[in-house]
Amino acid sequence: MMPFTDEDLLPPVTSIIESKIAPMLARDGGAIALLTIKDGKVYVQLQGACVGCSASGSTLKFVVEKELKAAIHPELEIVNVPQGLEDKLQEL
């Protein structure tokens, strides 16, 4: 069980994405957007060169998840929302 509310998670998650993760992805022409946090799940969208890139699954796991879990909580769940499915989060 996550010891934080979604509201508690928003500032640190936003900060880590903006300061650490986005610059890493930008070096390869990629980008990331934080869509929302619901029930302790962080919904992000890999963008730019990440879309359709075969390495985007590893990027999510070894960059995005690793950074957020290490900095915030090991049980944090990160969900990449494919383009076009932003309004169908409950189905992901």
PDB file of N, CA and C in Angstrom:
ATOM      1  N   MET A   1       0.852  -1.198   0.000  1.00  0.00           N
ATOM      2  CA  MET A   1       0.000   0.000   0.000  1.00  0.00           C
ATOM      3  C   MET A   1       0.888   1.248   0.000  1.00  0.00           C
ATOM      4  N   MET A   2       0.576   2.152  -0.876  1.00  0.00           N
ATOM      5  CA  MET A   2       1.368   3.371  -1.019  1.00  0.00           C
ATOM      6  C   MET A   2       1.120   4.313   0.169  1.00  0.00           C
ATOM      7  N   PRO A   3       2.192   4.742   0.868  1.00  0.00           N
ATOM      8  CA  PRO A   3       2.000   5.607   2.038  1.00  0.00           C
ATOM      9  C   PRO A   3       1.760   7.075   1.682  1.00  0.00           C
ATOM     10  N   PHE A   4       1.594   7.367   0.400  1.00  0.00           N
ATOM     11  CA  PHE A   4       1.410   8.758  -0.026  1.00  0.00           C
ATOM     12  C   PHE A   4       0.084   8.896  -0.764  1.00  0.00           C
ATOM     13  N   THR A   5      -0.513  10.068  -0.687  1.00  0.00           N
ATOM     14  CA  THR A   5      -1.686  10.335  -1.523  1.00  0.00           C
ATOM     15  C   THR A   5      -1.184  10.741  -2.905  1.00  0.00           C
ATOM     16  N   ASP A   6      -2.078  10.710  -3.890  1.00  0.00           N
ATOM     17  CA  ASP A   6      -1.702  11.135  -5.236  1.00  0.00           C
ATOM     18  C   ASP A   6      -1.214  12.581  -5.220  1.00  0.00           C
ATOM     19  N   GLU A   7      -1.844  13.402  -4.368  1.00  0.00           N
ATOM     20  CA  GLU A   7      -1.442  14.818  -4.273  1.00  0.00           C
ATOM     21  C   GLU A   7      -0.028  14.942  -3.703  1.00  0.00           C
ATOM     22  N   ASP A   8       0.293  14.066  -2.736  1.00  0.00           N
ATOM     23  CA  ASP A   8       1.647  14.073  -2.154  1.00  0.00           C
ATOM     24  C   ASP A   8       2.690  13.703  -3.197  1.00  0.00           C
ATOM     25  N   LEU A   9       2.317  12.794  -4.091  1.00  0.00           N
ATOM     26  CA  LEU A   9       3.276  12.283  -5.073  1.00  0.00           C
ATOM     27  C   LEU A   9       3.567  13.287  -6.184  1.00  0.00           C
ATOM     28  N   LEU A  10       2.616  14.148  -6.472  1.00  0.00           N
ATOM     29  CA  LEU A  10       2.743  15.033  -7.634  1.00  0.00           C
ATOM     30  C   LEU A  10       4.017  15.895  -7.629  1.00  0.00           C
ATOM     31  N   PRO A  11       4.323  16.644  -6.562  1.00  0.00           N
ATOM     32  CA  PRO A  11       5.533  17.489  -6.607  1.00  0.00           C
ATOM     33  C   PRO A  11       6.829  16.710  -6.816  1.00  0.00           C
ATOM     34  N   PRO A  12       7.093  15.621  -6.037  1.00  0.00           N
ATOM     35  CA  PRO A  12       8.365  14.926  -6.261  1.00  0.00           C
ATOM     36  C   PRO A  12       8.441  14.235  -7.627  1.00  0.00           C
ATOM     37  N   VAL A  13       7.335  13.662  -8.084  1.00  0.00           N
ATOM     38  CA  VAL A  13       7.340  12.996  -9.384  1.00  0.00           C
ATOM     39  C   VAL A  13       7.607  14.022 -10.487  1.00  0.00           C
ATOM     40  N   THR A  14       6.916  15.159 -10.414  1.00  0.00           N
ATOM     41  CA  THR A  14       7.111  16.224 -11.405  1.00  0.00           C
ATOM     42  C   THR A  14       8.559  16.695 -11.404  1.00  0.00           C
ATOM     43  N   SER A  15       9.106  16.895 -10.216  1.00  0.00           N
ATOM     44  CA  SER A  15      10.468  17.383 -10.079  1.00  0.00           C
ATOM     45  C   SER A  15      11.479  16.413 -10.696  1.00  0.00           C
ATOM     46  N   ILE A  16      11.334  15.121 -10.412  1.00  0.00           N
ATOM     47  CA  ILE A  16      12.280  14.129 -10.934  1.00  0.00           C
ATOM     48  C   ILE A  16      12.158  13.997 -12.451  1.00  0.00           C
ATOM     49  N   ILE A  17      10.917  14.006 -12.940  1.00  0.00           N
ATOM     50  CA  ILE A  17      10.731  13.913 -14.393  1.00  0.00           C
ATOM     51  C   ILE A  17      11.386  15.121 -15.074  1.00  0.00           C
ATOM     52  N   GLU A  18      11.148  16.320 -14.535  1.00  0.00           N
ATOM     53  CA  GLU A  18      11.676  17.533 -15.172  1.00  0.00           C
ATOM     54  C   GLU A  18      13.188  17.675 -15.026  1.00  0.00           C
ATOM     55  N   SER A  19      13.727  17.308 -13.860  1.00  0.00           N
ATOM     56  CA  SER A  19      15.149  17.565 -13.627  1.00  0.00           C
ATOM     57  C   SER A  19      16.056  16.425 -14.083  1.00  0.00           C
ATOM     58  N   LYS A  20      15.574  15.170 -14.022  1.00  0.00           N
ATOM     59  CA  LYS A  20      16.459  14.050 -14.333  1.00  0.00           C
ATOM     60  C   LYS A  20      16.065  13.275 -15.582  1.00  0.00           C
ATOM     61  N   ILE A  21      14.773  12.917 -15.677  1.00  0.00           N
ATOM     62  CA  ILE A  21      14.356  12.000 -16.740  1.00  0.00           C
ATOM     63  C   ILE A  21      14.232  12.710 -18.092  1.00  0.00           C
ATOM     64  N   ALA A  22      13.537  13.843 -18.130  1.00  0.00           N
ATOM     65  CA  ALA A  22      13.346  14.561 -19.397  1.00  0.00           C
ATOM     66  C   ALA A  22      14.672  14.911 -20.077  1.00  0.00           C
ATOM     67  N   PRO A  23      15.675  15.437 -19.327  1.00  0.00           N
ATOM     68  CA  PRO A  23      16.957  15.741 -19.982  1.00  0.00           C
ATOM     69  C   PRO A  23      17.639  14.504 -20.577  1.00  0.00           C
ATOM     70  N   MET A  24      17.520  13.352 -19.890  1.00  0.00           N
ATOM     71  CA  MET A  24      18.117  12.114 -20.417  1.00  0.00           C
ATOM     72  C   MET A  24      17.458  11.733 -21.746  1.00  0.00           C
ATOM     73  N   LEU A  25      16.124  11.789 -21.778  1.00  0.00           N
ATOM     74  CA  LEU A  25      15.402  11.405 -22.992  1.00  0.00           C
ATOM     75  C   LEU A  25      15.657  12.415 -24.111  1.00  0.00           C
ATOM     76  N   ALA A  26      15.794  13.677 -23.745  1.00  0.00           N
ATOM     77  CA  ALA A  26      15.983  14.737 -24.741  1.00  0.00           C
ATOM     78  C   ALA A  26      17.271  14.549 -25.533  1.00  0.00           C
ATOM     79  N   ARG A  27      18.283  13.942 -24.895  1.00  0.00           N
ATOM     80  CA  ARG A  27      19.545  13.712 -25.603  1.00  0.00           C
ATOM     81  C   ARG A  27      19.356  12.827 -26.826  1.00  0.00           C
ATOM     82  N   ASP A  28      18.321  11.954 -26.774  1.00  0.00           N
ATOM     83  CA  ASP A  28      18.041  11.070 -27.907  1.00  0.00           C
ATOM     84  C   ASP A  28      16.828  11.527 -28.707  1.00  0.00           C
ATOM     85  N   GLY A  29      16.397  12.772 -28.490  1.00  0.00           N
ATOM     86  CA  GLY A  29      15.259  13.293 -29.234  1.00  0.00           C
ATOM     87  C   GLY A  29      13.913  12.877 -28.668  1.00  0.00           C
ATOM     88  N   GLY A  30      13.930  12.286 -27.475  1.00  0.00           N
ATOM     89  CA  GLY A  30      12.691  11.849 -26.847  1.00  0.00           C
ATOM     90  C   GLY A  30      12.186  12.865 -25.854  1.00  0.00           C
ATOM     91  N   ALA A  31      10.982  12.616 -25.384  1.00  0.00           N
ATOM     92  CA  ALA A  31      10.383  13.498 -24.383  1.00  0.00           C
ATOM     93  C   ALA A  31       9.435  12.668 -23.534  1.00  0.00           C
ATOM     94  N   ILE A  32       9.044  13.237 -22.404  1.00  0.00           N
ATOM     95  CA  ILE A  32       8.099  12.548 -21.523  1.00  0.00           C
ATOM     96  C   ILE A  32       7.155  13.578 -20.935  1.00  0.00           C
ATOM     97  N   ALA A  33       5.888  13.194 -20.818  1.00  0.00           N
ATOM     98  CA  ALA A  33       4.896  14.059 -20.186  1.00  0.00           C
ATOM     99  C   ALA A  33       4.273  13.289 -19.029  1.00  0.00           C
ATOM    100  N   LEU A  34       4.105  13.977 -17.898  1.00  0.00           N
ATOM    101  CA  LEU A  34       3.377  13.391 -16.776  1.00  0.00           C
ATOM    102  C   LEU A  34       1.912  13.714 -17.010  1.00  0.00           C
ATOM    103  N   LEU A  35       1.091  12.694 -17.202  1.00  0.00           N
ATOM    104  CA  LEU A  35      -0.328  12.931 -17.474  1.00  0.00           C
ATOM    105  C   LEU A  35      -1.117  13.101 -16.187  1.00  0.00           C
ATOM    106  N   THR A  36      -0.977  12.135 -15.280  1.00  0.00           N
ATOM    107  CA  THR A  36      -1.701  12.214 -14.019  1.00  0.00           C
ATOM    108  C   THR A  36      -1.158  11.161 -13.060  1.00  0.00           C
ATOM    109  N   ILE A  37      -1.575  11.261 -11.823  1.00  0.00           N
ATOM    110  CA  ILE A  37      -1.275  10.226 -10.837  1.00  0.00           C
ATOM    111  C   ILE A  37      -2.613   9.808 -10.249  1.00  0.00           C
ATOM    112  N   LYS A  38      -2.919   8.517 -10.347  1.00  0.00           N
ATOM    113  CA  LYS A  38      -4.196   8.007  -9.831  1.00  0.00           C
ATOM    114  C   LYS A  38      -3.939   6.743  -9.047  1.00  0.00           C
ATOM    115  N   ASP A  39      -4.424   6.704  -7.811  1.00  0.00           N
ATOM    116  CA  ASP A  39      -4.286   5.521  -6.961  1.00  0.00           C
ATOM    117  C   ASP A  39      -2.839   5.030  -6.881  1.00  0.00           C
ATOM    118  N   GLY A  40      -1.911   5.960  -6.777  1.00  0.00           N
ATOM    119  CA  GLY A  40      -0.507   5.597  -6.643  1.00  0.00           C
ATOM    120  C   GLY A  40       0.153   5.151  -7.934  1.00  0.00           C
ATOM    121  N   LYS A  41      -0.570   5.223  -9.044  1.00  0.00           N
ATOM    122  CA  LYS A  41       0.020   4.887 -10.345  1.00  0.00           C
ATOM    123  C   LYS A  41       0.357   6.179 -11.071  1.00  0.00           C
ATOM    124  N   VAL A  42       1.572   6.234 -11.594  1.00  0.00           N
ATOM    125  CA  VAL A  42       2.039   7.413 -12.312  1.00  0.00           C
ATOM    126  C   VAL A  42       1.837   7.160 -13.808  1.00  0.00           C
ATOM    127  N   TYR A  43       0.982   7.953 -14.419  1.00  0.00           N
ATOM    128  CA  TYR A  43       0.709   7.806 -15.849  1.00  0.00           C
ATOM    129  C   TYR A  43       1.545   8.817 -16.624  1.00  0.00           C
ATOM    130  N   VAL A  44       2.455   8.287 -17.444  1.00  0.00           N
ATOM    131  CA  VAL A  44       3.312   9.147 -18.251  1.00  0.00           C
ATOM    132  C   VAL A  44       3.093   8.820 -19.717  1.00  0.00           C
ATOM    133  N   GLN A  45       3.590   9.697 -20.557  1.00  0.00           N
ATOM    134  CA  GLN A  45       3.536   9.417 -21.983  1.00  0.00           C
ATOM    135  C   GLN A  45       4.899   9.729 -22.574  1.00  0.00           C
ATOM    136  N   LEU A  46       5.518   8.679 -23.143  1.00  0.00           N
ATOM    137  CA  LEU A  46       6.783   8.886 -23.837  1.00  0.00           C
ATOM    138  C   LEU A  46       6.448   9.527 -25.173  1.00  0.00           C
ATOM    139  N   GLN A  47       7.204  10.563 -25.513  1.00  0.00           N
ATOM    140  CA  GLN A  47       6.891  11.339 -26.711  1.00  0.00           C
ATOM    141  C   GLN A  47       8.134  11.547 -27.563  1.00  0.00           C
ATOM    142  N   GLY A  48       7.982  12.278 -28.643  1.00  0.00           N
ATOM    143  CA  GLY A  48       9.118  12.560 -29.515  1.00  0.00           C
ATOM    144  C   GLY A  48       9.653  11.285 -30.120  1.00  0.00           C
ATOM    145  N   ALA A  49      10.974  11.142 -30.127  1.00  0.00           N
ATOM    146  CA  ALA A  49      11.618   9.979 -30.744  1.00  0.00           C
ATOM    147  C   ALA A  49      11.308   8.687 -29.999  1.00  0.00           C
ATOM    148  N   CYS A  50      10.763   8.797 -28.765  1.00  0.00           N
ATOM    149  CA  CYS A  50      10.421   7.582 -28.006  1.00  0.00           C
ATOM    150  C   CYS A  50       9.247   6.842 -28.641  1.00  0.00           C
ATOM    151  N   VAL A  51       8.374   7.577 -29.334  1.00  0.00           N
ATOM    152  CA  VAL A  51       7.194   6.962 -29.924  1.00  0.00           C
ATOM    153  C   VAL A  51       7.634   6.012 -31.027  1.00  0.00           C
ATOM    154  N   GLY A  52       7.259   4.755 -30.884  1.00  0.00           N
ATOM    155  CA  GLY A  52       7.611   3.772 -31.898  1.00  0.00           C
ATOM    156  C   GLY A  52       9.043   3.263 -31.810  1.00  0.00           C
ATOM    157  N   CYS A  53       9.805   3.757 -30.849  1.00  0.00           N
ATOM    158  CA  CYS A  53      11.195   3.296 -30.707  1.00  0.00           C
ATOM    159  C   CYS A  53      11.191   1.954 -29.996  1.00  0.00           C
ATOM    160  N   SER A  54      11.972   1.007 -30.517  1.00  0.00           N
ATOM    161  CA  SER A  54      11.996  -0.332 -29.932  1.00  0.00           C
ATOM    162  C   SER A  54      12.550  -0.328 -28.510  1.00  0.00           C
ATOM    163  N   ALA A  55      13.312   0.692 -28.167  1.00  0.00           N
ATOM    164  CA  ALA A  55      13.915   0.741 -26.832  1.00  0.00           C
ATOM    165  C   ALA A  55      13.012   1.449 -25.816  1.00  0.00           C
ATOM    166  N   SER A  56      11.835   1.908 -26.235  1.00  0.00           N
ATOM    167  CA  SER A  56      11.026   2.701 -25.305  1.00  0.00           C
ATOM    168  C   SER A  56      10.563   1.885 -24.095  1.00  0.00           C
ATOM    169  N   GLY A  57      10.369   0.575 -24.271  1.00  0.00           N
ATOM    170  CA  GLY A  57      10.008  -0.264 -23.125  1.00  0.00           C
ATOM    171  C   GLY A  57      11.123  -0.304 -22.100  1.00  0.00           C
ATOM    172  N   SER A  58      12.362  -0.432 -22.559  1.00  0.00           N
ATOM    173  CA  SER A  58      13.511  -0.433 -21.646  1.00  0.00           C
ATOM    174  C   SER A  58      13.687   0.934 -21.026  1.00  0.00           C
ATOM    175  N   THR A  59      13.460   1.975 -21.810  1.00  0.00           N
ATOM    176  CA  THR A  59      13.582   3.340 -21.281  1.00  0.00           C
ATOM    177  C   THR A  59      12.619   3.506 -20.113  1.00  0.00           C
ATOM    178  N   LEU A  60      11.383   3.049 -20.307  1.00  0.00           N
ATOM    179  CA  LEU A  60      10.385   3.177 -19.250  1.00  0.00           C
ATOM    180  C   LEU A  60      10.842   2.436 -18.004  1.00  0.00           C
ATOM    181  N   LYS A  61      11.305   1.200 -18.184  1.00  0.00           N
ATOM    182  CA  LYS A  61      11.671   0.357 -17.051  1.00  0.00           C
ATOM    183  C   LYS A  61      12.974   0.807 -16.386  1.00  0.00           C
ATOM    184  N   PHE A  62      14.013   1.021 -17.192  1.00  0.00           N
ATOM    185  CA  PHE A  62      15.333   1.248 -16.612  1.00  0.00           C
ATOM    186  C   PHE A  62      15.675   2.708 -16.378  1.00  0.00           C
ATOM    187  N   VAL A  63      14.920   3.624 -16.963  1.00  0.00           N
ATOM    188  CA  VAL A  63      15.175   5.039 -16.710  1.00  0.00           C
ATOM    189  C   VAL A  63      14.055   5.617 -15.852  1.00  0.00           C
ATOM    190  N   VAL A  64      12.841   5.630 -16.389  1.00  0.00           N
ATOM    191  CA  VAL A  64      11.727   6.285 -15.706  1.00  0.00           C
ATOM    192  C   VAL A  64      11.390   5.580 -14.385  1.00  0.00           C
ATOM    193  N   GLU A  65      11.107   4.268 -14.446  1.00  0.00           N
ATOM    194  CA  GLU A  65      10.746   3.537 -13.229  1.00  0.00           C
ATOM    195  C   GLU A  65      11.869   3.555 -12.204  1.00  0.00           C
ATOM    196  N   LYS A  66      13.089   3.300 -12.675  1.00  0.00           N
ATOM    197  CA  LYS A  66      14.230   3.212 -11.762  1.00  0.00           C
ATOM    198  C   LYS A  66      14.414   4.523 -11.004  1.00  0.00           C
ATOM    199  N   GLU A  67      14.399   5.638 -11.714  1.00  0.00           N
ATOM    200  CA  GLU A  67      14.595   6.947 -11.067  1.00  0.00           C
ATOM    201  C   GLU A  67      13.483   7.244 -10.066  1.00  0.00           C
ATOM    202  N   LEU A  68      12.236   7.034 -10.486  1.00  0.00           N
ATOM    203  CA  LEU A  68      11.108   7.378  -9.613  1.00  0.00           C
ATOM    204  C   LEU A  68      11.030   6.450  -8.401  1.00  0.00           C
ATOM    205  N   LYS A  69      11.246   5.155  -8.624  1.00  0.00           N
ATOM    206  CA  LYS A  69      11.186   4.216  -7.501  1.00  0.00           C
ATOM    207  C   LYS A  69      12.314   4.476  -6.515  1.00  0.00           C
ATOM    208  N   ALA A  70      13.501   4.762  -7.020  1.00  0.00           N
ATOM    209  CA  ALA A  70      14.641   5.003  -6.134  1.00  0.00           C
ATOM    210  C   ALA A  70      14.426   6.269  -5.313  1.00  0.00           C
ATOM    211  N   ALA A  71      13.872   7.288  -5.932  1.00  0.00           N
ATOM    212  CA  ALA A  71      13.738   8.579  -5.257  1.00  0.00           C
ATOM    213  C   ALA A  71      12.505   8.667  -4.357  1.00  0.00           C
ATOM    214  N   ILE A  72      11.448   7.935  -4.708  1.00  0.00           N
ATOM    215  CA  ILE A  72      10.179   8.136  -4.004  1.00  0.00           C
ATOM    216  C   ILE A  72       9.715   6.908  -3.231  1.00  0.00           C
ATOM    217  N   HIS A  73       9.469   5.809  -3.925  1.00  0.00           N
ATOM    218  CA  HIS A  73       8.972   4.607  -3.251  1.00  0.00           C
ATOM    219  C   HIS A  73       9.146   3.406  -4.180  1.00  0.00           C
ATOM    220  N   PRO A  74       9.676   2.282  -3.651  1.00  0.00           N
ATOM    221  CA  PRO A  74       9.970   1.121  -4.509  1.00  0.00           C
ATOM    222  C   PRO A  74       8.737   0.464  -5.122  1.00  0.00           C
ATOM    223  N   GLU A  75       7.554   0.732  -4.580  1.00  0.00           N
ATOM    224  CA  GLU A  75       6.362   0.093  -5.128  1.00  0.00           C
ATOM    225  C   GLU A  75       5.576   0.989  -6.083  1.00  0.00           C
ATOM    226  N   LEU A  76       6.138   2.136  -6.382  1.00  0.00           N
ATOM    227  CA  LEU A  76       5.485   3.052  -7.306  1.00  0.00           C
ATOM    228  C   LEU A  76       5.294   2.357  -8.648  1.00  0.00           C
ATOM    229  N   GLU A  77       4.126   2.513  -9.233  1.00  0.00           N
ATOM    230  CA  GLU A  77       3.861   1.881 -10.526  1.00  0.00           C
ATOM    231  C   GLU A  77       3.806   2.954 -11.604  1.00  0.00           C
ATOM    232  N   ILE A  78       4.535   2.699 -12.700  1.00  0.00           N
ATOM    233  CA  ILE A  78       4.606   3.665 -13.789  1.00  0.00           C
ATOM    234  C   ILE A  78       3.908   3.057 -14.999  1.00  0.00           C
ATOM    235  N   VAL A  79       2.995   3.802 -15.600  1.00  0.00           N
ATOM    236  CA  VAL A  79       2.255   3.308 -16.761  1.00  0.00           C
ATOM    237  C   VAL A  79       2.501   4.266 -17.924  1.00  0.00           C
ATOM    238  N   ASN A  80       2.992   3.719 -19.042  1.00  0.00           N
ATOM    239  CA  ASN A  80       3.147   4.544 -20.239  1.00  0.00           C
ATOM    240  C   ASN A  80       1.826   4.526 -20.999  1.00  0.00           C
ATOM    241  N   VAL A  81       1.306   5.702 -21.281  1.00  0.00           N
ATOM    242  CA  VAL A  81       0.024   5.824 -21.976  1.00  0.00           C
ATOM    243  C   VAL A  81       0.299   6.072 -23.455  1.00  0.00           C
ATOM    244  N   PRO A  82      -0.048   5.108 -24.322  1.00  0.00           N
ATOM    245  CA  PRO A  82       0.186   5.321 -25.756  1.00  0.00           C
ATOM    246  C   PRO A  82      -0.599   6.531 -26.266  1.00  0.00           C
ATOM    247  N   GLN A  83      -0.057   7.193 -27.277  1.00  0.00           N
ATOM    248  CA  GLN A  83      -0.726   8.353 -27.839  1.00  0.00           C
ATOM    249  C   GLN A  83      -2.119   7.949 -28.314  1.00  0.00           C
ATOM    250  N   GLY A  84      -3.102   8.789 -27.987  1.00  0.00           N
ATOM    251  CA  GLY A  84      -4.465   8.508 -28.388  1.00  0.00           C
ATOM    252  C   GLY A  84      -5.283   7.821 -27.313  1.00  0.00           C
ATOM    253  N   LEU A  85      -4.613   7.317 -26.259  1.00  0.00           N
ATOM    254  CA  LEU A  85      -5.350   6.612 -25.199  1.00  0.00           C
ATOM    255  C   LEU A  85      -5.416   7.427 -23.900  1.00  0.00           C
ATOM    256  N   GLU A  86      -5.159   8.728 -23.993  1.00  0.00           N
ATOM    257  CA  GLU A  86      -5.120   9.565 -22.790  1.00  0.00           C
ATOM    258  C   GLU A  86      -6.442   9.550 -22.026  1.00  0.00           C
ATOM    259  N   ASP A  87      -7.555   9.335 -22.744  1.00  0.00           N
ATOM    260  CA  ASP A  87      -8.856   9.348 -22.055  1.00  0.00           C
ATOM    261  C   ASP A  87      -9.317   7.947 -21.678  1.00  0.00           C
ATOM    262  N   LYS A  88      -8.434   6.956 -21.794  1.00  0.00           N
ATOM    263  CA  LYS A  88      -8.806   5.571 -21.475  1.00  0.00           C
ATOM    264  C   LYS A  88      -7.861   4.981 -20.421  1.00  0.00           C
ATOM    265  N   LEU A  89      -7.448   5.816 -19.465  1.00  0.00           N
ATOM    266  CA  LEU A  89      -6.471   5.383 -18.460  1.00  0.00           C
ATOM    267  C   LEU A  89      -6.940   4.163 -17.684  1.00  0.00           C
ATOM    268  N   GLN A  90      -8.237   4.085 -17.385  1.00  0.00           N
ATOM    269  CA  GLN A  90      -8.722   2.965 -16.554  1.00  0.00           C
ATOM    270  C   GLN A  90      -8.607   1.650 -17.298  1.00  0.00           C
ATOM    271  N   GLU A  91      -8.414   1.670 -18.609  1.00  0.00           N
ATOM    272  CA  GLU A  91      -8.307   0.426 -19.379  1.00  0.00           C
ATOM    273  C   GLU A  91      -6.859  -0.053 -19.509  1.00  0.00           C
ATOM    274  N   LEU A  92      -5.910   0.761 -19.100  1.00  0.00           N
ATOM    275  CA  LEU A  92      -4.498   0.410 -19.269  1.00  0.00           C
ATOM    276  C   LEU A  92      -4.000  -0.445 -18.112  1.00  0.00           C
TER     277      LEU A  92
END
